[in-house]
Protein backbone atom coordinates (compact mmCIF):
# COMPACT_ATOMS: atom_id res chain seq x y z
CA MET A 1 128.49 -8.87 -172.02
CA LYS A 2 124.87 -7.75 -172.12
CA ILE A 3 122.15 -9.16 -169.87
CA GLU A 4 118.50 -8.48 -170.68
CA GLN A 5 115.88 -9.37 -168.10
CA PHE A 6 112.32 -10.20 -169.19
CA GLU A 7 109.62 -10.02 -166.53
CA ASP A 8 106.19 -11.60 -166.33
CA LYS A 9 104.73 -9.45 -163.56
CA ASN A 10 101.64 -11.62 -163.13
CA LEU A 11 103.75 -14.65 -162.17
CA ALA A 12 106.71 -12.66 -160.79
CA GLN A 13 108.88 -14.63 -163.25
CA PHE A 14 112.20 -13.55 -164.74
CA SER A 15 113.81 -14.92 -167.88
CA TYR A 16 117.03 -13.75 -169.44
CA ILE A 17 119.03 -13.16 -172.56
CA LEU A 18 122.79 -13.22 -172.16
CA MET A 19 124.53 -11.82 -175.23
CA SER A 20 128.18 -11.59 -176.23
CA ASP A 21 129.69 -11.06 -179.68
CA ALA A 22 126.30 -11.49 -181.44
CA GLU A 23 125.63 -14.83 -179.73
CA ILE A 24 122.75 -15.32 -177.30
CA ALA A 25 121.89 -17.73 -174.52
CA VAL A 26 118.24 -17.70 -173.40
CA ILE A 27 117.78 -18.76 -169.78
CA ASP A 28 114.45 -20.00 -168.38
CA PRO A 29 112.26 -18.67 -171.24
CA ALA A 30 108.55 -18.01 -170.70
CA ARG A 31 105.89 -19.84 -172.75
CA ASP A 32 105.79 -17.32 -175.62
CA PRO A 33 109.08 -17.49 -177.58
CA LYS A 34 108.49 -14.32 -179.62
CA PRO A 35 110.18 -11.78 -177.28
CA TYR A 36 113.48 -13.69 -177.45
CA GLU A 37 113.27 -14.16 -181.22
CA GLU A 38 112.48 -10.47 -181.71
CA TYR A 39 115.34 -9.41 -179.45
CA ALA A 40 117.80 -11.55 -181.40
CA MET A 41 116.56 -10.16 -184.72
CA LEU A 42 116.69 -6.56 -183.46
CA HIS A 43 120.31 -7.01 -182.33
CA ASP A 44 121.34 -9.03 -185.39
CA ALA A 45 122.36 -11.86 -183.06
CA LYS A 46 121.92 -15.62 -183.07
CA ILE A 47 120.38 -17.72 -180.30
CA THR A 48 122.97 -20.46 -179.79
CA ALA A 49 121.89 -21.93 -176.43
CA ILE A 50 118.74 -22.35 -174.36
CA ILE A 51 119.18 -23.26 -170.69
CA GLU A 52 116.57 -24.51 -168.24
CA THR A 53 117.71 -24.29 -164.62
CA HIS A 54 115.03 -26.86 -163.62
CA PRO A 55 111.52 -27.95 -164.66
CA HIS A 56 109.54 -25.00 -163.34
CA ALA A 57 106.44 -25.56 -161.22
CA ASP A 58 104.78 -22.16 -161.50
CA PHE A 59 104.90 -21.47 -165.25
CA VAL A 60 105.17 -23.33 -168.52
CA SER A 61 108.39 -22.71 -170.43
CA GLY A 62 108.75 -22.24 -174.19
CA HIS A 63 112.19 -23.83 -174.35
CA LEU A 64 111.21 -26.66 -176.70
CA GLU A 65 109.40 -24.44 -179.20
CA LEU A 66 112.26 -21.94 -179.21
CA SER A 67 114.76 -24.73 -179.69
CA GLU A 68 112.87 -26.21 -182.64
CA ALA A 69 112.35 -22.81 -184.27
CA LYS A 70 116.02 -21.80 -184.02
CA GLN A 71 117.59 -25.26 -184.28
CA THR A 72 119.31 -24.49 -180.99
CA PRO A 73 120.29 -27.02 -178.30
CA ILE A 74 118.61 -27.04 -174.89
CA TYR A 75 120.98 -27.49 -171.94
CA VAL A 76 119.59 -29.12 -168.79
CA SER A 77 120.76 -31.29 -165.92
CA SER A 78 120.83 -35.03 -166.64
CA LYS A 79 118.83 -35.45 -163.43
CA LEU A 80 115.86 -33.63 -164.96
CA GLY A 81 114.85 -36.66 -167.03
CA ALA A 82 113.89 -34.53 -170.03
CA THR A 83 112.06 -36.48 -172.73
CA TYR A 84 112.85 -33.93 -175.47
CA LYS A 85 116.16 -33.71 -177.33
CA HIS A 86 118.68 -31.97 -175.09
CA THR A 87 122.33 -31.59 -174.17
CA PRO A 88 123.34 -32.56 -170.62
CA PHE A 89 124.65 -29.61 -168.63
CA ASN A 90 125.94 -30.98 -165.36
CA HIS A 91 128.18 -29.65 -162.61
CA GLY A 92 131.37 -28.22 -164.09
CA ASP A 93 130.24 -28.48 -167.72
CA GLU A 94 130.93 -25.38 -169.80
CA LEU A 95 129.72 -23.79 -173.02
CA LYS A 96 130.79 -20.66 -174.91
CA ILE A 97 128.63 -17.64 -175.73
CA GLY A 98 130.77 -15.19 -177.66
CA ASN A 99 133.65 -14.24 -175.37
CA LEU A 100 131.94 -15.65 -172.29
CA THR A 101 132.08 -19.04 -170.63
CA LEU A 102 128.95 -20.44 -169.01
CA ARG A 103 129.58 -23.03 -166.33
CA ALA A 104 126.93 -25.29 -164.82
CA LEU A 105 126.73 -25.42 -161.02
CA GLU A 106 124.70 -28.19 -159.39
CA THR A 107 122.48 -26.37 -156.89
CA PRO A 108 119.81 -28.74 -155.50
CA GLY A 109 117.44 -27.66 -152.74
CA HIS A 110 114.42 -26.21 -154.48
CA SER A 111 114.47 -29.23 -156.78
CA PRO A 112 116.87 -32.19 -156.98
CA ASP A 113 117.69 -31.33 -160.62
CA SER A 114 118.42 -27.63 -160.15
CA ILE A 115 121.42 -26.04 -161.81
CA SER A 116 122.69 -22.48 -161.74
CA VAL A 117 124.66 -20.85 -164.54
CA LEU A 118 127.90 -19.07 -163.66
CA VAL A 119 129.17 -16.55 -166.22
CA LEU A 120 132.93 -16.03 -166.61
CA ASP A 121 134.55 -13.36 -168.78
CA GLU A 122 137.34 -14.02 -171.26
CA ASN A 123 139.88 -13.81 -168.43
CA GLY A 124 138.07 -16.41 -166.34
CA LYS A 125 136.69 -13.92 -163.80
CA GLU A 126 133.22 -14.70 -162.36
CA GLN A 127 130.78 -12.00 -163.46
CA ALA A 128 127.22 -13.20 -162.82
CA VAL A 129 125.21 -16.21 -161.78
CA PHE A 130 121.72 -17.16 -162.95
CA THR A 131 120.32 -19.02 -159.97
CA GLY A 132 116.91 -20.25 -161.13
CA ASP A 133 114.82 -20.90 -158.02
CA ALA A 134 117.76 -21.93 -155.86
CA LEU A 135 119.00 -18.54 -154.62
CA LEU A 136 116.28 -15.90 -154.66
CA LEU A 137 116.70 -12.30 -153.56
CA GLY A 138 116.14 -12.25 -149.82
CA ASP A 139 115.32 -15.96 -149.70
CA VAL A 140 115.94 -19.38 -151.26
CA GLY A 141 113.52 -21.62 -153.15
CA ARG A 142 110.95 -23.58 -151.17
CA PRO A 143 111.82 -27.29 -150.77
CA ASP A 144 108.37 -28.93 -150.86
CA LEU A 145 107.40 -28.97 -154.54
CA ARG A 146 109.13 -32.15 -155.64
CA GLU A 147 107.93 -34.69 -153.13
CA THR A 148 105.70 -36.51 -155.62
CA VAL A 149 106.37 -35.05 -159.09
CA GLY A 150 109.29 -34.95 -161.51
CA HIS A 151 111.79 -37.51 -162.75
CA GLU A 152 113.57 -37.38 -159.38
CA THR A 153 111.56 -36.79 -156.21
CA SER A 154 112.80 -35.85 -152.75
CA SER A 155 111.19 -35.05 -149.42
CA ARG A 156 111.17 -31.45 -148.26
CA ASP A 157 113.54 -32.38 -145.44
CA GLN A 158 116.04 -33.91 -147.89
CA LEU A 159 115.86 -30.93 -150.21
CA ALA A 160 116.19 -28.47 -147.33
CA ARG A 161 119.41 -30.22 -146.27
CA GLN A 162 120.65 -30.11 -149.85
CA MET A 163 119.85 -26.40 -149.96
CA TYR A 164 121.92 -25.85 -146.84
CA HIS A 165 124.97 -27.23 -148.63
CA THR A 166 124.11 -25.43 -151.87
CA THR A 167 124.01 -22.06 -150.13
CA ARG A 168 127.13 -22.64 -148.02
CA GLU A 169 129.31 -24.58 -150.46
CA ILE A 170 128.30 -23.02 -153.79
CA PHE A 171 126.74 -19.57 -153.57
CA MET A 172 128.45 -18.17 -150.49
CA LYS A 173 131.89 -19.15 -151.86
CA LEU A 174 131.45 -17.00 -154.96
CA PRO A 175 133.08 -13.54 -154.96
CA ASP A 176 130.97 -10.83 -153.36
CA ASP A 177 130.78 -8.75 -156.55
CA VAL A 178 129.18 -11.52 -158.63
CA LEU A 179 125.77 -10.38 -159.90
CA VAL A 180 122.77 -12.54 -158.94
CA TYR A 181 119.87 -13.05 -161.35
CA PRO A 182 117.05 -15.31 -160.03
CA ALA A 183 114.13 -16.81 -161.95
CA HIS A 184 111.53 -15.19 -159.66
CA GLY A 185 110.90 -12.06 -157.66
CA ALA A 186 108.60 -10.81 -154.92
CA GLY A 187 105.10 -12.26 -155.22
CA SER A 188 106.17 -15.67 -156.51
CA LEU A 189 105.01 -18.74 -154.61
CA CYS A 190 108.42 -20.37 -155.15
CA GLY A 191 109.73 -18.68 -152.01
CA LYS A 192 108.50 -17.15 -148.75
CA SER A 193 109.99 -13.69 -148.26
CA MET A 194 111.64 -12.38 -151.41
CA SER A 195 112.73 -8.77 -151.74
CA LYS A 196 111.34 -6.46 -154.42
CA ALA A 197 114.74 -6.11 -156.09
CA LYS A 198 115.25 -7.64 -159.52
CA SER A 199 118.96 -8.34 -159.23
CA SER A 200 121.56 -8.33 -156.50
CA THR A 201 125.11 -9.42 -155.70
CA ILE A 202 126.48 -12.31 -153.71
CA GLY A 203 127.81 -9.83 -151.14
CA GLU A 204 124.42 -8.18 -150.73
CA GLU A 205 122.70 -11.52 -150.33
CA LYS A 206 125.23 -12.72 -147.77
CA ALA A 207 124.55 -9.56 -145.77
CA THR A 208 120.76 -9.43 -146.02
CA ASN A 209 119.30 -12.79 -147.12
CA ALA A 210 117.76 -14.53 -144.10
CA ALA A 211 118.63 -17.97 -145.48
CA LEU A 212 122.33 -17.11 -145.72
CA GLN A 213 122.77 -16.04 -142.11
CA PRO A 214 124.76 -18.18 -139.62
CA MET A 215 122.76 -21.20 -138.39
CA THR A 216 123.16 -24.92 -138.00
CA GLN A 217 121.83 -27.31 -140.62
CA ASP A 218 118.95 -28.32 -138.35
CA GLU A 219 118.07 -24.67 -137.72
CA PHE A 220 118.16 -24.06 -141.47
CA VAL A 221 115.87 -27.02 -142.16
CA THR A 222 113.38 -25.74 -139.59
CA TYR A 223 113.52 -22.26 -141.09
CA LEU A 224 113.08 -23.48 -144.65
CA THR A 225 110.27 -25.98 -144.04
CA SER A 226 108.11 -23.87 -141.72
CA GLU A 227 105.21 -21.61 -142.75
CA LEU A 228 105.45 -22.47 -146.43
CA PRO A 229 102.97 -20.87 -148.86
CA PHE A 230 100.14 -22.95 -150.28
CA VAL A 231 100.79 -25.08 -153.37
CA PRO A 232 98.48 -24.32 -156.33
CA LYS A 233 96.87 -27.29 -158.03
CA TYR A 234 98.70 -26.68 -161.30
CA PHE A 235 102.27 -26.86 -159.95
CA GLY A 236 102.77 -30.60 -160.45
CA HIS A 237 101.19 -30.38 -163.90
CA ALA A 238 103.63 -27.62 -164.91
CA VAL A 239 106.65 -29.63 -163.73
CA GLU A 240 105.70 -32.58 -165.93
CA LEU A 241 104.79 -30.38 -168.89
CA ASN A 242 108.16 -28.63 -168.68
CA ARG A 243 109.95 -31.96 -168.41
CA THR A 244 108.36 -33.18 -171.64
CA GLY A 245 107.96 -29.86 -173.48
CA ALA A 246 104.80 -27.81 -174.08
CA PRO A 247 102.85 -27.56 -177.35
CA LYS A 248 103.60 -24.61 -179.62
CA TYR A 249 102.25 -21.42 -178.07
CA ASP A 250 100.44 -19.75 -180.98
CA SER A 251 98.90 -23.00 -182.18
CA ALA A 252 97.67 -23.83 -178.69
CA ILE A 253 95.92 -20.53 -178.04
CA LYS A 254 94.41 -20.43 -181.54
CA LYS A 255 92.71 -23.77 -180.82
CA VAL A 256 90.57 -22.16 -178.12
CA PRO A 257 87.13 -21.61 -179.72
CA ILE A 258 85.53 -18.17 -179.41
CA LEU A 259 81.81 -18.73 -178.87
CA GLY A 260 78.79 -16.50 -179.35
CA PRO A 261 76.49 -15.60 -176.43
CA ASP A 262 73.79 -17.94 -177.74
CA HIS A 263 76.05 -20.99 -177.72
CA LYS A 264 74.57 -23.89 -175.75
CA LEU A 265 77.03 -24.82 -173.02
CA GLU A 266 77.79 -28.33 -171.91
CA GLN A 267 76.38 -29.30 -168.53
CA GLU A 268 79.50 -30.52 -166.76
CA PRO A 269 82.36 -28.03 -167.34
CA LEU A 270 82.90 -25.11 -164.99
CA VAL A 271 82.25 -21.55 -166.06
CA ILE A 272 84.99 -19.10 -165.06
CA ASP A 273 83.59 -15.56 -165.22
CA THR A 274 86.44 -13.04 -165.16
CA ARG A 275 84.36 -9.86 -165.06
CA PRO A 276 84.66 -7.48 -162.07
CA GLN A 277 82.74 -8.40 -158.94
CA ASP A 278 80.09 -5.70 -159.41
CA GLN A 279 79.29 -6.85 -162.95
CA PHE A 280 79.17 -10.47 -161.86
CA ARG A 281 76.77 -9.67 -159.02
CA GLN A 282 74.37 -7.92 -161.38
CA GLY A 283 73.95 -11.02 -163.53
CA HIS A 284 75.79 -14.25 -164.22
CA LEU A 285 75.30 -17.82 -165.30
CA ASP A 286 74.04 -20.21 -162.69
CA SER A 287 76.88 -22.12 -160.98
CA SER A 288 79.66 -19.99 -162.46
CA ILE A 289 82.76 -19.00 -160.51
CA ASN A 290 83.73 -15.34 -160.39
CA LEU A 291 87.50 -15.16 -160.85
CA PRO A 292 88.05 -11.48 -161.70
CA ASP A 293 90.83 -10.48 -164.03
CA GLY A 294 93.69 -9.20 -161.89
CA PRO A 295 97.46 -9.39 -161.35
CA LYS A 296 97.32 -12.96 -160.01
CA PHE A 297 94.54 -14.34 -162.22
CA GLU A 298 96.53 -17.31 -163.52
CA THR A 299 97.76 -18.26 -160.04
CA TRP A 300 94.23 -18.33 -158.63
CA LEU A 301 92.89 -20.11 -161.71
CA GLY A 302 95.50 -22.82 -161.19
CA SER A 303 94.69 -22.92 -157.47
CA VAL A 304 90.93 -23.38 -157.84
CA VAL A 305 90.73 -25.46 -161.04
CA TRP A 306 92.38 -28.87 -161.44
CA PRO A 307 94.80 -29.41 -164.37
CA ASP A 308 92.47 -31.93 -166.04
CA GLU A 309 89.26 -29.98 -165.43
CA PRO A 310 87.50 -28.39 -168.44
CA PHE A 311 85.93 -24.95 -168.18
CA TYR A 312 84.40 -22.08 -170.15
CA LEU A 313 86.01 -18.65 -169.93
CA ILE A 314 83.92 -15.45 -169.87
CA ALA A 315 85.32 -11.92 -170.22
CA ARG A 316 83.86 -8.43 -170.62
CA ASP A 317 85.43 -7.67 -174.05
CA GLU A 318 87.41 -9.35 -176.81
CA ASP A 319 90.79 -7.82 -175.91
CA GLN A 320 90.50 -9.03 -172.34
CA LEU A 321 89.31 -12.45 -173.49
CA ARG A 322 92.32 -12.97 -175.76
CA GLU A 323 94.74 -11.71 -173.12
CA LEU A 324 93.31 -14.12 -170.53
CA ILE A 325 93.61 -17.04 -172.94
CA CYS A 326 97.32 -16.19 -173.27
CA ARG A 327 97.70 -15.91 -169.50
CA THR A 328 95.91 -19.23 -169.08
CA ALA A 329 98.49 -20.73 -171.47
CA SER A 330 101.30 -19.51 -169.22
CA ILE A 331 100.28 -22.21 -166.70
CA GLY A 332 99.45 -24.81 -169.34
CA TYR A 333 95.65 -24.61 -168.94
CA GLU A 334 94.70 -23.40 -172.43
CA GLY A 335 93.72 -26.94 -173.46
CA ASN A 336 91.13 -27.00 -170.64
CA ILE A 337 89.10 -24.15 -172.18
CA ARG A 338 86.03 -25.56 -173.90
CA GLY A 339 85.17 -22.15 -175.25
CA ALA A 340 85.70 -18.45 -174.62
CA ILE A 341 82.65 -16.20 -174.44
CA LEU A 342 82.44 -12.40 -174.59
CA THR A 343 79.22 -11.98 -172.61
CA PRO A 344 77.43 -14.57 -170.50
CA PRO A 345 74.31 -15.97 -172.16
CA ALA A 346 71.14 -15.99 -170.09
CA ALA A 347 72.83 -14.23 -167.17
CA VAL A 348 69.86 -14.44 -164.85
CA GLU A 349 71.44 -15.17 -161.47
CA THR A 350 72.25 -12.20 -159.22
CA ALA A 351 74.27 -12.07 -156.02
CA PRO A 352 72.62 -10.88 -152.76
CA THR A 353 73.87 -7.72 -151.07
CA LEU A 354 74.89 -7.94 -147.42
CA ASP A 355 73.19 -5.62 -144.92
CA LEU A 356 76.46 -4.47 -143.39
CA ALA A 357 74.83 -2.71 -140.44
CA HIS A 358 72.92 -5.86 -139.49
CA PHE A 359 76.06 -7.96 -139.85
CA LYS A 360 78.05 -5.62 -137.60
CA ALA A 361 75.32 -5.67 -134.97
CA ASN A 362 74.60 -9.40 -135.18
CA PRO A 363 77.68 -11.34 -136.36
CA ASP A 364 76.46 -14.46 -134.52
CA HIS A 365 73.52 -14.62 -136.92
CA TYR A 366 75.90 -15.59 -139.71
CA THR A 367 78.41 -18.32 -140.50
CA ILE A 368 81.61 -16.39 -141.19
CA LEU A 369 84.01 -18.12 -143.58
CA ASP A 370 87.63 -16.90 -143.64
CA ILE A 371 89.32 -18.06 -146.87
CA ARG A 372 92.70 -16.49 -146.30
CA ASN A 373 95.83 -18.64 -146.16
CA THR A 374 96.57 -20.46 -142.90
CA ASN A 375 99.51 -18.19 -142.05
CA GLU A 376 97.40 -15.07 -142.57
CA VAL A 377 94.68 -16.32 -140.24
CA LYS A 378 97.24 -17.19 -137.60
CA GLU A 379 99.04 -13.85 -137.81
CA LYS A 380 95.97 -11.61 -138.01
CA PRO A 381 92.63 -13.12 -136.87
CA ILE A 382 89.68 -10.92 -137.80
CA PHE A 383 86.52 -12.66 -136.55
CA ALA A 384 86.83 -14.74 -133.39
CA ASN A 385 84.43 -17.51 -134.42
CA ALA A 386 85.15 -17.67 -138.14
CA LEU A 387 85.51 -20.99 -139.93
CA ALA A 388 88.85 -20.99 -141.75
CA ILE A 389 89.21 -22.82 -145.07
CA PRO A 390 91.87 -21.46 -147.47
CA LEU A 391 90.52 -20.65 -150.93
CA PRO A 392 92.70 -23.25 -152.74
CA GLU A 393 91.08 -25.96 -150.59
CA LEU A 394 87.50 -24.68 -150.57
CA ARG A 395 86.05 -26.77 -153.38
CA GLU A 396 87.33 -29.93 -151.68
CA HIS A 397 85.85 -28.97 -148.27
CA LEU A 398 82.45 -27.50 -149.12
CA GLN A 399 80.68 -30.07 -146.95
CA GLU A 400 82.39 -28.58 -143.87
CA VAL A 401 80.58 -25.23 -144.27
CA PRO A 402 77.39 -25.14 -142.12
CA THR A 403 74.24 -24.09 -143.93
CA ASP A 404 71.98 -23.37 -140.96
CA LYS A 405 72.66 -19.61 -141.15
CA PRO A 406 73.46 -17.12 -143.92
CA ILE A 407 77.13 -17.31 -144.90
CA VAL A 408 79.52 -14.35 -145.09
CA VAL A 409 82.77 -14.98 -146.95
CA HIS A 410 85.82 -12.79 -146.42
CA CYS A 411 89.52 -12.62 -147.24
CA ALA A 412 91.85 -9.67 -146.62
CA SER A 413 90.78 -7.16 -149.26
CA GLY A 414 87.98 -8.58 -151.41
CA TYR A 415 89.47 -10.46 -154.37
CA ARG A 416 89.48 -13.98 -152.96
CA SER A 417 86.13 -13.53 -151.23
CA ALA A 418 84.51 -12.90 -154.63
CA VAL A 419 85.88 -16.23 -155.81
CA GLY A 420 84.95 -18.08 -152.64
CA ALA A 421 81.42 -16.68 -152.42
CA SER A 422 80.69 -17.70 -156.00
CA ILE A 423 82.03 -21.21 -155.37
CA LEU A 424 79.72 -21.59 -152.37
CA THR A 425 76.71 -20.05 -154.12
CA ALA A 426 76.93 -22.71 -156.81
CA VAL A 427 76.28 -25.50 -154.28
CA VAL A 428 74.39 -23.90 -151.36
CA GLU A 429 70.63 -23.70 -151.97
CA ASP A 430 68.88 -23.03 -148.67
CA VAL A 431 70.67 -19.93 -147.34
CA SER A 432 72.16 -16.77 -148.80
CA VAL A 433 75.90 -16.49 -149.42
CA TYR A 434 77.36 -12.99 -149.06
CA ASP A 435 80.70 -11.61 -150.19
CA LEU A 436 82.01 -9.19 -147.55
CA GLY A 437 84.35 -7.77 -150.20
CA ASP A 438 86.51 -4.79 -149.34
CA ALA A 439 84.28 -3.99 -146.35
CA VAL A 440 86.48 -6.43 -144.47
CA THR A 441 88.93 -3.56 -143.95
CA GLN A 442 86.41 -2.05 -141.51
CA PHE A 443 86.98 -5.00 -139.18
CA MET A 444 90.80 -4.95 -139.01
CA PRO A 445 93.54 -2.36 -138.50
CA SER A 446 94.85 -2.64 -142.07
CA SER A 447 94.30 -4.67 -145.23
CA GLY A 448 96.48 -7.72 -145.89
CA GLN A 449 97.19 -9.94 -148.85
CA ALA A 450 94.66 -9.69 -151.69
C-alpha cells in the first residue's frame, strides 16, 4: 500500500492517491487533474477509481474531468444527488484497489452526504481512513454549510447531532493504530481549530482532538455550533458545481482573455487589482479593489466577490497573472473574469497616506473601522470606539459607515485593511479613507490573523 498526499497550501486542501499493485484510487482530487495523471504515468499504474467524500464547499474538484479522461468510475454517496455519471458508494459498500479493500462509511455531520473511506489490507485489517471533512486533525468539520445548498440540506443543529454519532459510533470505534487522512488542514475554513499535522491516527485523535473528548450530545452541539468561522460567498456555489461537475480545467482557464493596457473596460464589472499595497497606492484605476496576491487570495476573492459577479483581474507580471487565473479556477470563478490585464491602464488614482502621529494623538477625529472577524474583535479589541464590520460583509454594509470624519480601516496585520480601504474608497467621495496597514501592530500587544 502506498499513500501519496497532494496539498494545496493556499486552500489548506489535501487530496490523495492510494496505490496497490499498480492500481490507483484518487480521493477528493483538486480542480487540475494533471498531478494525478502524471503520478499514475510515472508509476506505470492505472487510475481505477475516483472517490468524492462529499461535494466540497471550499474548492472545486476535478473528479468529472479525471473520470472522463481515464474512463474511470466516480464513487459517491447516493445522498449527494450527483448529476454526472457515477457509482453509488454507500455505507458498507466495498471496492478493490490491488490487494486492498476500500469500504464506504457513512459519516454525516459536516454534510448529510459525507462518506469516509476505510482501507483494509488483504487480511481484512483496518489500515487507514480517509475522512473528508468529517474528522479533521484536532477538530471535526463545521456543521453550518449545508443549511440551504446541496441535494440534501440540514440545519446546523441536525448536522451537529449527526456528527456526535459519527464521531462516537464510527471513528472512535476504529482501532487506535488506524491512520487518519483528512481533506483539509490548518487554515481551512471547514473547521475551527485544526492542528498543523497532515496525518494522524485514531488513537492520537481520541487523546487530543477536542471534539472527541467526553461530553453529552447537547454539550457537543453547543461546542460545534459556537464561534464558527465566517462563510465565504463562494461556498454554496462550489457545492453545486461539485455536485454537477466542473468544466474542463485547461479549457476554462484558456478562455480567460489577456488584455492589453489600452483595452477599454466595461463600466459595470469590478476591477480586482492584485498588486502589492504600495504599488496600488501609487496608482490604480478608479473604483478598483486592491486584493493583493497572497496565501489566501482565492479565499478572500470568494469572500468579497459574489459567484455571479464579473470582474477584471490585474497583476504585476504575466507569470503572476496566469497563476492567479489558475487559483481563481480553484474556487470556480474563472468564468467571472472579463479580462486579465498586466498593468492598469490610466492608473491615475492614488491612495492618501495617514499621518500616524496625528491619528495617535487624535483618534476621535477619525471613524475607525475594524474589519476583522467577529470572534477576533471579541477576543482582542484594539480601539474602544471602532465600528466593526467583517470584511466579507463590508460591501453589503457600506451605508453603515459614517462619512462625517476621515475613515481609518484596520485589521490585524494589514492584508484585509488594504482590501477594505479600497472597497470604501470606491464609494466614499467626501472624506479620505486611510489604510492603517501593518501599523496596527503598534496599537496591540501582538499581531493576529492576517
